[in-house]
Amino acid sequence: MVGRLPYRVQIPLGLSLAVLIAAILVTGITARVSAQTARQAILSLLDRAVVLVIAQVRPMMVADDTWRVFALLRDTAELVPGATAGQARLAILDAEGRVFAASDPVQLATGRVLLGKPWRDQPTPKPAAVTQRHQLDRDDGSVVMVDPIRSEDGQTLGFVLTEVDAAVFAPDWPSLAQTALLAIALAVALLVPVGWWVGQRMTRPVERLVAVIERIGKDDPSQLRGAVPVTQDPELSRIGDAVNQLMGELEQRKLAEDRALSAERLAAVGRMTAAVAHEINNPLAGLLTATQTLRLHGRSDPIRTRTIDLLDRGLQQIRTTVAALLPQARMDDRPLEPGDLEDIVTLVRVSAGTPDVDIHFGMDVESALRVPSAPLRQVMLNLLLNAMKAAGEKGVVSARLAADETEVTFCVTNNGPPLSAEKFRTTLAAESGRDPRGFGLWVCQELASHLGGRFELDEMQTDQTRLVFQVPNREAPEETT
């Protein structure tokens, strides 16, 4: 229960509890010392009373005056604590240890032998053994003292027996308790507020440190440094220094993250720029060649019409590619047509720079094409250009477009050095933005993922390289905003 309280409450509460316990302990010790002091005072008073009795009873013992001894004991008993309440007794014994006279004749009858006989289950010394005071301290706290009475020539005339019950030595606990409670109340009234104030003063820097730590990660570290409390306490100073060091490291990390983010943005811009340049340059060379063809053979109507259609579709592809970079632009793209493959082959032949490569293509379209033309033209163009580069001089490249009700598949095969699966995965990873040498295969992979299809290497072909691009025969998925 106490452990759930905050330290600003636990510390003052602990100090207050320590003050209360200390006050109780000090009061208990004081009461014990007071009880022992009171016992010593009673014994000292008894000693004086015995000395007085011995001085006055000596001539009476010589004269054998029993009545005067009784009168002396009656008068002297009032000086003994507890005698009036029957808790203390005085007796004069003769030289043989018999009762000569007593303040309480009922318990100490005259003529009764006491010395050398058990008294209240305690053995008493014989008369000859008592040469000086003999004191018996009983287990219950009562005391029995036997003092010899000597004449002026040193002869033993008799003895003084003093018996005091334990109740006489019992402390006055009600009085002591009243004093103790008063002392405790004063101590608590004075020290608890002081302890509470000291505890609050001790925990105030801790509360400020906690408030600063709670703000780390939410506020600027440079602003939080000024809020760290300055204190003379060495432990709190170490905690404050650690908090300052932590905020300094966080500030440096934030600066490093900002620099890394800026560098990543620049790298992303570079990758995007390279990709755009790649995707635009691919059809651009073929379009420039088409304009040259139109300039030389434009008088022929079939050639002019076919060339103009080729230019229109190529420019539409470039326009769609650029528009894809603008999230706010929504371009309506036409579905793919079988004639798009012929356009791509024509563009590839004039833009690849390797006219000796033999290109074969075929189509097996059994259903209407519902896929967008722009991404598929990008895929066909990229795969054919990469295949022609891989085939080399005198190489052979085969392309085939197939479609049914569910899927559209485009396959490209070249007879160049076979591409291994490991090399294919490494090329895709390198072209994912870290290698500026080409984006063709990476663009195909990204478009396949966007259209919900797949792009893979046909590992069954061991003597040539065959890449397969396959997507569902449906409209392009809507972009999430």
Protein backbone atom coordinates (compact mmCIF):
# COMPACT_ATOMS: atom_id res chain seq x y z
CA MET A 1 0.00 0.00 0.00
CA VAL A 2 2.73 2.46 1.01
CA GLY A 3 4.90 1.39 -1.94
CA ARG A 4 2.24 2.68 -4.34
CA LEU A 5 2.47 6.19 -2.96
CA PRO A 6 4.72 8.70 -4.77
CA TYR A 7 8.10 9.54 -3.26
CA ARG A 8 6.99 13.06 -2.42
CA VAL A 9 4.58 11.40 0.05
CA GLN A 10 6.68 8.37 1.05
CA ILE A 11 9.72 10.40 2.18
CA PRO A 12 7.81 12.82 4.49
CA LEU A 13 5.71 9.92 5.75
CA GLY A 14 8.84 7.90 6.45
CA LEU A 15 10.46 10.79 8.29
CA SER A 16 7.31 11.31 10.35
CA LEU A 17 7.15 7.60 11.19
CA ALA A 18 10.84 7.65 12.18
CA VAL A 19 10.20 10.61 14.48
CA LEU A 20 7.24 8.83 16.07
CA ILE A 21 9.21 5.60 16.62
CA ALA A 22 12.16 7.53 18.05
CA ALA A 23 9.87 9.40 20.44
CA ILE A 24 8.29 6.14 21.61
CA LEU A 25 11.69 4.49 22.14
CA VAL A 26 13.11 7.48 24.00
CA THR A 27 10.02 7.68 26.18
CA GLY A 28 10.16 3.95 26.92
CA ILE A 29 13.82 4.14 27.90
CA THR A 30 13.14 7.20 30.02
CA ALA A 31 10.31 5.39 31.81
CA ARG A 32 12.57 2.42 32.48
CA VAL A 33 15.32 4.64 33.85
CA SER A 34 12.77 6.49 35.96
CA ALA A 35 11.55 3.19 37.43
CA GLN A 36 15.10 2.11 38.30
CA THR A 37 15.84 5.53 39.80
CA ALA A 38 12.69 5.32 41.93
CA ARG A 39 13.75 1.89 43.22
CA GLN A 40 17.17 3.21 44.17
CA ALA A 41 15.53 6.18 45.93
CA ILE A 42 13.31 3.82 47.98
CA LEU A 43 16.29 1.68 48.94
CA SER A 44 18.21 4.80 49.95
CA LEU A 45 15.26 5.94 52.11
CA LEU A 46 15.10 2.49 53.74
CA ASP A 47 18.80 2.68 54.46
CA ARG A 48 18.38 5.99 56.28
CA ALA A 49 15.38 4.65 58.21
CA VAL A 50 17.38 1.59 59.36
CA VAL A 51 20.30 3.76 60.48
CA LEU A 52 17.89 5.90 62.51
CA VAL A 53 16.24 2.85 64.09
CA ILE A 54 19.58 1.29 65.03
CA ALA A 55 20.76 4.50 66.67
CA GLN A 56 17.60 4.81 68.80
CA VAL A 57 16.93 1.15 69.58
CA ARG A 58 20.40 0.33 70.94
CA PRO A 59 19.80 1.65 74.53
CA MET A 60 16.32 0.14 74.55
CA MET A 61 17.77 -3.28 73.74
CA VAL A 62 20.26 -2.92 76.55
CA ALA A 63 17.43 -1.98 78.96
CA ASP A 64 15.21 -4.73 77.55
CA ASP A 65 12.38 -2.20 77.15
CA THR A 66 9.99 -3.91 74.78
CA TRP A 67 7.24 -1.26 74.89
CA ARG A 68 9.53 1.55 73.98
CA VAL A 69 10.80 -0.54 71.04
CA PHE A 70 7.21 -1.08 69.88
CA ALA A 71 6.58 2.67 70.12
CA LEU A 72 9.77 3.42 68.17
CA LEU A 73 8.82 0.99 65.41
CA ARG A 74 5.30 2.47 65.24
CA ASP A 75 6.71 5.95 64.83
CA THR A 76 9.52 4.95 62.46
CA ALA A 77 7.33 2.78 60.22
CA GLU A 78 5.73 5.89 58.85
CA LEU A 79 9.09 6.78 57.29
CA VAL A 80 9.25 3.46 55.41
CA PRO A 81 7.48 3.57 51.98
CA GLY A 82 4.48 1.24 51.86
CA ALA A 83 4.33 0.65 55.65
CA THR A 84 1.01 2.45 56.08
CA ALA A 85 -0.49 0.26 53.33
CA GLY A 86 0.82 -2.94 54.90
CA GLN A 87 3.42 -3.42 52.14
CA ALA A 88 6.51 -2.88 54.35
CA ARG A 89 7.44 -4.17 57.83
CA LEU A 90 10.13 -3.47 60.46
CA ALA A 91 11.15 -5.93 63.17
CA ILE A 92 13.77 -5.92 65.95
CA LEU A 93 15.35 -9.31 66.54
CA ASP A 94 17.35 -10.36 69.59
CA ALA A 95 20.85 -11.77 69.36
CA GLU A 96 19.47 -15.28 68.73
CA GLY A 97 17.31 -14.16 65.79
CA ARG A 98 13.94 -14.15 67.58
CA VAL A 99 11.40 -11.37 67.10
CA PHE A 100 11.77 -8.87 69.94
CA ALA A 101 9.26 -6.37 68.57
CA ALA A 102 7.67 -5.71 65.15
CA SER A 103 5.62 -3.03 63.41
CA ASP A 104 3.25 -5.79 62.24
CA PRO A 105 2.83 -8.24 65.15
CA VAL A 106 0.35 -10.31 63.16
CA GLN A 107 2.88 -11.41 60.55
CA LEU A 108 5.93 -11.12 62.82
CA ALA A 109 4.83 -12.47 66.18
CA THR A 110 7.03 -11.79 69.19
CA GLY A 111 9.39 -14.67 70.01
CA ARG A 112 9.28 -16.17 66.53
CA VAL A 113 12.63 -17.38 65.26
CA LEU A 114 13.45 -15.84 61.85
CA LEU A 115 17.18 -16.10 61.32
CA GLY A 116 18.38 -19.50 60.25
CA LYS A 117 14.83 -20.51 59.25
CA PRO A 118 13.10 -20.21 55.84
CA TRP A 119 11.08 -17.03 55.52
CA ARG A 120 8.50 -16.83 52.70
CA ASP A 121 10.18 -19.80 50.97
CA GLN A 122 13.54 -18.07 51.09
CA PRO A 123 16.43 -19.19 53.35
CA THR A 124 17.71 -16.66 55.92
CA PRO A 125 21.24 -16.48 57.31
CA LYS A 126 22.07 -17.64 60.81
CA PRO A 127 22.67 -14.96 63.47
CA ALA A 128 26.39 -15.59 63.64
CA ALA A 129 26.71 -15.08 59.85
CA VAL A 130 25.22 -11.57 59.90
CA THR A 131 28.23 -9.31 60.48
CA GLN A 132 27.02 -6.61 58.11
CA ARG A 133 23.93 -5.88 56.09
CA HIS A 134 22.50 -8.96 54.39
CA GLN A 135 20.04 -8.24 51.54
CA LEU A 136 17.74 -10.75 49.88
CA ASP A 137 16.29 -9.76 46.45
CA ARG A 138 13.40 -12.03 45.61
CA ASP A 139 12.22 -13.00 42.15
CA ASP A 140 8.95 -11.08 42.54
CA GLY A 141 10.86 -7.84 43.24
CA SER A 142 10.43 -7.71 47.00
CA VAL A 143 13.45 -7.05 49.28
CA VAL A 144 14.41 -8.37 52.75
CA MET A 145 17.32 -6.68 54.59
CA VAL A 146 18.92 -7.81 57.85
CA ASP A 147 21.24 -5.28 59.66
CA PRO A 148 23.14 -6.08 62.88
CA ILE A 149 22.73 -3.90 66.03
CA ARG A 150 26.06 -3.56 67.80
CA SER A 151 26.95 -2.05 71.13
CA GLU A 152 29.70 0.46 71.58
CA ASP A 153 32.14 -2.35 72.43
CA GLY A 154 31.19 -4.25 69.22
CA GLN A 155 28.93 -6.90 70.67
CA THR A 156 25.84 -7.94 68.63
CA LEU A 157 22.76 -6.86 70.58
CA GLY A 158 20.28 -7.90 67.92
CA PHE A 159 19.18 -7.29 64.35
CA VAL A 160 16.89 -5.02 62.36
CA LEU A 161 14.79 -6.86 59.77
CA THR A 162 13.23 -4.77 57.05
CA GLU A 163 10.83 -6.33 54.52
CA VAL A 164 9.41 -4.39 51.58
CA ASP A 165 6.93 -5.99 49.16
CA ALA A 166 7.34 -5.75 45.35
CA ALA A 167 4.33 -3.44 45.06
CA VAL A 168 6.31 -0.64 46.72
CA PHE A 169 8.90 -0.73 43.93
CA ALA A 170 6.32 -0.96 41.14
CA PRO A 171 6.54 2.13 38.91
CA ASP A 172 3.65 4.54 38.73
CA TRP A 173 2.80 3.57 35.20
CA PRO A 174 -0.26 5.80 34.82
CA SER A 175 1.83 8.82 35.76
CA LEU A 176 4.72 7.72 33.56
CA ALA A 177 2.34 6.97 30.68
CA GLN A 178 0.78 10.40 30.98
CA THR A 179 4.21 11.99 30.87
CA ALA A 180 5.27 9.76 27.97
CA LEU A 181 2.15 10.57 25.94
CA LEU A 182 2.69 14.25 26.54
CA ALA A 183 6.31 13.94 25.40
CA ILE A 184 5.33 11.98 22.30
CA ALA A 185 2.62 14.49 21.43
CA LEU A 186 5.07 17.37 21.75
CA ALA A 187 7.69 15.55 19.66
CA VAL A 188 5.21 14.70 16.93
CA ALA A 189 3.72 18.18 16.95
CA LEU A 190 7.16 19.76 16.54
CA LEU A 191 9.14 17.26 14.46
CA VAL A 192 6.52 15.85 12.06
CA PRO A 193 5.86 19.21 10.34
CA VAL A 194 9.61 19.77 10.14
CA GLY A 195 10.11 16.28 8.69
CA TRP A 196 7.30 16.84 6.21
CA TRP A 197 8.84 20.13 5.10
CA VAL A 198 12.28 18.54 4.75
CA GLY A 199 10.83 15.63 2.79
CA GLN A 200 9.01 17.94 0.41
CA ARG A 201 12.18 19.98 -0.03
CA MET A 202 14.14 16.80 -0.80
CA THR A 203 11.63 15.48 -3.35
CA ARG A 204 11.04 18.79 -5.17
CA PRO A 205 14.13 18.38 -7.44
CA VAL A 206 13.12 14.78 -8.10
CA GLU A 207 9.65 15.90 -9.21
CA ARG A 208 11.21 18.44 -11.58
CA LEU A 209 13.51 15.78 -13.01
CA VAL A 210 10.55 13.44 -13.53
CA ALA A 211 8.64 16.21 -15.31
CA VAL A 212 11.62 16.79 -17.62
CA ILE A 213 12.02 13.06 -18.34
CA GLU A 214 8.31 12.77 -19.19
CA ARG A 215 8.74 15.50 -21.81
CA ILE A 216 11.68 13.76 -23.51
CA GLY A 217 10.63 12.69 -26.98
CA LYS A 218 7.79 15.23 -27.05
CA ASP A 219 9.60 18.57 -26.78
CA ASP A 220 12.80 19.87 -28.30
CA PRO A 221 15.85 18.65 -26.27
CA SER A 222 17.46 22.09 -26.49
CA GLN A 223 14.47 23.55 -24.62
CA LEU A 224 14.42 20.77 -22.01
CA ARG A 225 18.03 21.31 -20.96
CA GLY A 226 17.15 24.56 -19.24
CA ALA A 227 14.41 22.80 -17.25
CA VAL A 228 16.80 20.32 -15.57
CA PRO A 229 17.09 21.45 -11.90
CA VAL A 230 20.48 22.43 -10.50
CA THR A 231 21.04 21.01 -7.00
CA GLN A 232 23.91 20.58 -4.55
CA ASP A 233 22.98 16.96 -3.86
CA PRO A 234 25.61 14.73 -5.54
CA GLU A 235 23.20 11.93 -6.44
CA LEU A 236 20.61 14.26 -7.94
CA SER A 237 23.40 16.08 -9.78
CA ARG A 238 24.48 12.78 -11.32
CA ILE A 239 20.91 12.07 -12.42
CA GLY A 240 20.62 15.58 -13.89
CA ASP A 241 23.91 15.14 -15.77
CA ALA A 242 22.69 11.80 -17.13
CA VAL A 243 19.44 13.42 -18.31
CA ASN A 244 21.39 16.22 -20.00
CA GLN A 245 23.66 13.67 -21.67
CA LEU A 246 20.63 11.68 -22.85
CA MET A 247 19.02 14.78 -24.33
CA GLY A 248 22.30 15.69 -26.02
CA GLU A 249 22.48 12.24 -27.60
CA LEU A 250 18.84 12.50 -28.68
CA GLU A 251 19.53 15.88 -30.24
CA GLN A 252 22.52 14.47 -32.14
CA ARG A 253 20.44 11.50 -33.22
CA LYS A 254 17.68 13.79 -34.45
CA LEU A 255 20.19 15.78 -36.48
CA ALA A 256 21.60 12.55 -37.90
CA GLU A 257 18.09 11.31 -38.76
CA ASP A 258 17.31 14.61 -40.48
CA ARG A 259 20.51 14.36 -42.51
CA ALA A 260 19.77 10.72 -43.36
CA LEU A 261 16.21 11.60 -44.34
CA SER A 262 17.45 14.41 -46.54
CA ALA A 263 20.00 12.10 -48.17
CA GLU A 264 17.32 9.44 -48.66
CA ARG A 265 15.03 11.99 -50.30
CA LEU A 266 17.81 13.05 -52.63
CA ALA A 267 18.56 9.40 -53.41
CA ALA A 268 14.87 8.74 -54.05
CA VAL A 269 14.74 11.71 -56.39
CA GLY A 270 17.82 10.37 -58.18
CA ARG A 271 16.32 6.92 -58.54
CA MET A 272 13.04 8.30 -59.78
CA THR A 273 14.82 10.58 -62.23
CA ALA A 274 16.86 7.65 -63.57
CA ALA A 275 13.74 5.52 -63.87
CA VAL A 276 11.85 8.26 -65.70
CA ALA A 277 14.78 8.84 -68.03
CA HIS A 278 14.98 5.10 -68.69
CA GLU A 279 11.28 4.69 -69.38
CA ILE A 280 11.13 7.75 -71.63
CA ASN A 281 14.35 7.09 -73.54
CA ASN A 282 13.26 3.56 -74.47
CA PRO A 283 10.41 4.59 -76.81
CA LEU A 284 11.93 7.96 -77.66
CA ALA A 285 14.64 6.55 -79.95
CA GLY A 286 12.07 4.59 -81.89
CA LEU A 287 9.82 7.64 -82.19
CA LEU A 288 12.68 9.73 -83.55
CA THR A 289 13.37 7.01 -86.12
CA ALA A 290 9.67 6.97 -87.00
CA THR A 291 9.74 10.73 -87.66
CA GLN A 292 12.74 10.17 -89.95
CA THR A 293 10.78 7.48 -91.79
CA LEU A 294 7.81 9.82 -92.07
CA ARG A 295 10.07 12.54 -93.49
CA LEU A 296 11.54 10.20 -96.13
CA HIS A 297 8.50 8.10 -97.07
CA GLY A 298 5.61 10.32 -96.00
CA ARG A 299 4.18 10.47 -99.52
CA SER A 300 2.97 6.89 -99.21
CA ASP A 301 -0.41 6.89 -97.52
CA PRO A 302 -0.13 3.45 -95.85
CA ILE A 303 3.35 4.22 -94.48
CA ARG A 304 2.30 7.67 -93.33
CA THR A 305 -0.83 6.38 -91.60
CA ARG A 306 1.00 3.52 -89.88
CA THR A 307 3.85 5.78 -88.81
CA ILE A 308 1.51 8.43 -87.41
CA ASP A 309 -0.38 5.77 -85.42
CA LEU A 310 2.95 4.50 -84.08
CA LEU A 311 3.95 8.03 -83.06
CA ASP A 312 0.60 8.60 -81.38
CA ARG A 313 0.74 5.41 -79.31
CA GLY A 314 4.39 6.00 -78.36
CA LEU A 315 3.71 9.56 -77.23
CA GLN A 316 0.64 8.40 -75.30
CA GLN A 317 2.88 5.86 -73.52
CA ILE A 318 5.36 8.59 -72.55
CA ARG A 319 2.51 10.81 -71.39
CA THR A 320 1.08 8.02 -69.22
CA THR A 321 4.50 7.27 -67.74
CA VAL A 322 5.03 10.90 -66.74
CA ALA A 323 1.48 11.21 -65.37
CA ALA A 324 2.05 8.20 -63.15
CA LEU A 325 4.58 10.30 -61.19
CA LEU A 326 1.90 12.78 -60.19
CA PRO A 327 -0.35 11.36 -57.42
CA GLN A 328 -3.00 13.98 -58.10
CA ALA A 329 -3.19 13.16 -61.82
CA ARG A 330 -5.70 10.55 -62.92
CA MET A 331 -5.12 9.53 -66.54
CA ASP A 332 -7.59 7.33 -68.37
CA ASP A 333 -5.63 4.58 -70.11
CA ARG A 334 -6.96 2.49 -72.98
CA PRO A 335 -6.91 -1.32 -72.85
CA LEU A 336 -4.03 -3.19 -74.41
CA GLU A 337 -4.45 -4.14 -78.08
CA PRO A 338 -2.66 -6.89 -80.06
CA GLY A 339 -1.23 -4.21 -82.31
CA ASP A 340 0.72 -2.75 -79.38
CA LEU A 341 3.15 -5.68 -79.59
CA GLU A 342 3.89 -4.85 -83.23
CA ASP A 343 4.53 -1.22 -82.24
CA ILE A 344 6.91 -2.28 -79.49
CA VAL A 345 8.82 -4.61 -81.82
CA THR A 346 9.14 -1.79 -84.35
CA LEU A 347 10.41 0.62 -81.69
CA VAL A 348 12.86 -1.95 -80.35
CA ARG A 349 14.36 -2.69 -83.73
CA VAL A 350 15.26 0.92 -84.36
CA SER A 351 16.30 1.81 -80.78
CA ALA A 352 18.28 -1.23 -79.63
CA GLY A 353 21.41 -0.43 -81.65
CA THR A 354 21.89 -4.13 -82.55
CA PRO A 355 20.24 -4.63 -85.97
CA ASP A 356 21.74 -8.13 -86.36
CA VAL A 357 19.47 -9.53 -83.64
CA ASP A 358 16.63 -11.58 -85.09
CA ILE A 359 13.29 -10.84 -83.38
CA HIS A 360 10.33 -13.21 -83.61
CA PHE A 361 6.98 -12.50 -82.03
CA GLY A 362 3.62 -14.15 -81.90
CA MET A 363 0.21 -13.73 -80.29
CA ASP A 364 -2.33 -16.12 -78.88
CA VAL A 365 -5.20 -13.91 -77.71
CA GLU A 366 -8.38 -15.86 -77.01
CA SER A 367 -10.25 -13.21 -75.07
CA ALA A 368 -10.70 -9.46 -74.89
CA LEU A 369 -7.80 -7.67 -73.28
CA ARG A 370 -8.84 -5.68 -70.20
CA VAL A 371 -5.42 -4.70 -68.90
CA PRO A 372 -4.15 -1.11 -69.31
CA SER A 373 -1.90 -0.57 -72.28
CA ALA A 374 0.69 1.81 -70.76
CA PRO A 375 2.17 -0.55 -68.10
CA LEU A 376 2.08 -3.55 -70.46
CA ARG A 377 3.84 -1.57 -73.21
CA GLN A 378 6.49 -0.60 -70.62
CA VAL A 379 6.97 -4.26 -69.71
CA MET A 380 7.19 -5.42 -73.32
CA LEU A 381 9.62 -2.67 -74.23
CA ASN A 382 11.88 -3.26 -71.23
CA LEU A 383 11.95 -7.05 -71.61
CA LEU A 384 12.67 -6.90 -75.36
CA LEU A 385 15.49 -4.37 -74.93
CA ASN A 386 17.07 -6.42 -72.14
CA ALA A 387 16.70 -9.62 -74.22
CA MET A 388 18.38 -8.03 -77.26
CA LYS A 389 21.29 -6.86 -75.11
CA ALA A 390 21.62 -10.32 -73.57
CA ALA A 391 21.40 -12.09 -76.96
CA GLY A 392 24.25 -10.09 -78.48
CA GLU A 393 25.18 -10.03 -82.16
CA LYS A 394 23.54 -12.67 -84.35
CA GLY A 395 21.27 -13.51 -81.44
CA VAL A 396 17.65 -14.56 -81.53
CA VAL A 397 14.87 -13.08 -79.41
CA SER A 398 11.36 -14.50 -79.25
CA ALA A 399 8.34 -12.71 -77.75
CA ARG A 400 4.84 -14.06 -77.27
CA LEU A 401 1.66 -12.40 -76.00
CA ALA A 402 -1.06 -14.74 -74.78
CA ALA A 403 -4.41 -14.01 -73.11
CA ASP A 404 -7.51 -15.87 -71.97
CA GLU A 405 -10.44 -15.04 -69.73
CA THR A 406 -8.33 -14.97 -66.57
CA GLU A 407 -4.72 -14.06 -67.36
CA VAL A 408 -2.52 -12.11 -69.74
CA THR A 409 0.99 -13.51 -70.21
CA PHE A 410 3.98 -12.00 -71.99
CA CYS A 411 7.10 -14.15 -72.41
CA VAL A 412 10.49 -13.14 -73.84
CA THR A 413 13.21 -15.65 -74.66
CA ASN A 414 16.79 -15.04 -75.83
CA ASN A 415 19.54 -17.46 -76.80
CA GLY A 416 22.32 -15.56 -75.06
CA PRO A 417 24.20 -16.83 -72.01
CA PRO A 418 21.59 -18.31 -69.64
CA LEU A 419 20.60 -16.17 -66.65
CA SER A 420 20.77 -18.10 -63.35
CA ALA A 421 18.11 -17.76 -60.67
CA GLU A 422 20.65 -16.30 -58.23
CA LYS A 423 21.81 -13.75 -60.80
CA PHE A 424 18.18 -12.88 -61.54
CA ARG A 425 17.44 -12.21 -57.83
CA THR A 426 20.68 -10.25 -57.44
CA THR A 427 19.85 -8.13 -60.50
CA LEU A 428 16.38 -7.32 -59.14
CA ALA A 429 17.85 -6.36 -55.77
CA ALA A 430 20.54 -4.20 -57.36
CA GLU A 431 18.07 -2.49 -59.66
CA SER A 432 15.71 -1.71 -56.75
CA GLY A 433 17.31 1.71 -56.50
CA ARG A 434 20.91 1.12 -55.49
CA ASP A 435 22.31 0.40 -58.97
CA PRO A 436 21.81 3.19 -61.58
CA ARG A 437 22.81 0.98 -64.52
CA GLY A 438 19.28 -0.09 -65.37
CA PHE A 439 15.73 -0.28 -64.14
CA GLY A 440 14.11 -2.53 -66.73
CA LEU A 441 13.72 -5.72 -64.73
CA TRP A 442 12.94 -3.85 -61.51
CA VAL A 443 10.20 -1.83 -63.28
CA CYS A 444 8.68 -5.08 -64.55
CA GLN A 445 8.67 -6.53 -61.06
CA GLU A 446 7.05 -3.41 -59.59
CA LEU A 447 4.37 -3.32 -62.28
CA ALA A 448 3.60 -7.01 -61.76
CA SER A 449 3.20 -6.40 -58.02
CA HIS A 450 0.98 -3.37 -58.66
CA LEU A 451 -1.27 -5.26 -61.06
CA GLY A 452 -1.51 -8.30 -58.76
CA GLY A 453 0.55 -10.58 -61.00
CA ARG A 454 4.01 -12.12 -61.04
CA PHE A 455 7.33 -11.67 -62.80
CA GLU A 456 9.76 -14.58 -62.77
CA LEU A 457 12.49 -16.52 -64.49
CA ASP A 458 11.54 -19.82 -66.11
CA GLU A 459 14.09 -22.09 -64.46
CA MET A 460 13.10 -25.05 -66.65
CA GLN A 461 15.02 -23.45 -69.52
CA THR A 462 18.69 -24.37 -69.03
CA ASP A 463 20.13 -23.45 -72.45
CA GLN A 464 18.47 -20.04 -72.81
CA THR A 465 16.82 -17.30 -70.75
CA ARG A 466 13.04 -17.04 -70.62
CA LEU A 467 11.31 -14.32 -68.56
CA VAL A 468 7.58 -14.53 -67.86
CA PHE A 469 5.33 -11.60 -66.98
CA GLN A 470 1.78 -12.60 -66.02
CA VAL A 471 -1.10 -10.49 -64.67
CA PRO A 472 -4.85 -11.06 -64.20
CA ASN A 473 -6.96 -10.11 -67.21
CA ARG A 474 -8.85 -7.33 -65.52
CA GLU A 475 -8.76 -3.57 -65.13
CA ALA A 476 -5.96 -1.99 -63.12
CA PRO A 477 -6.67 -1.76 -59.37
CA GLU A 478 -7.72 1.61 -58.00
CA GLU A 479 -4.98 3.59 -56.25
CA THR A 480 -5.55 3.99 -52.52
CA THR A 481 -5.46 7.55 -51.25
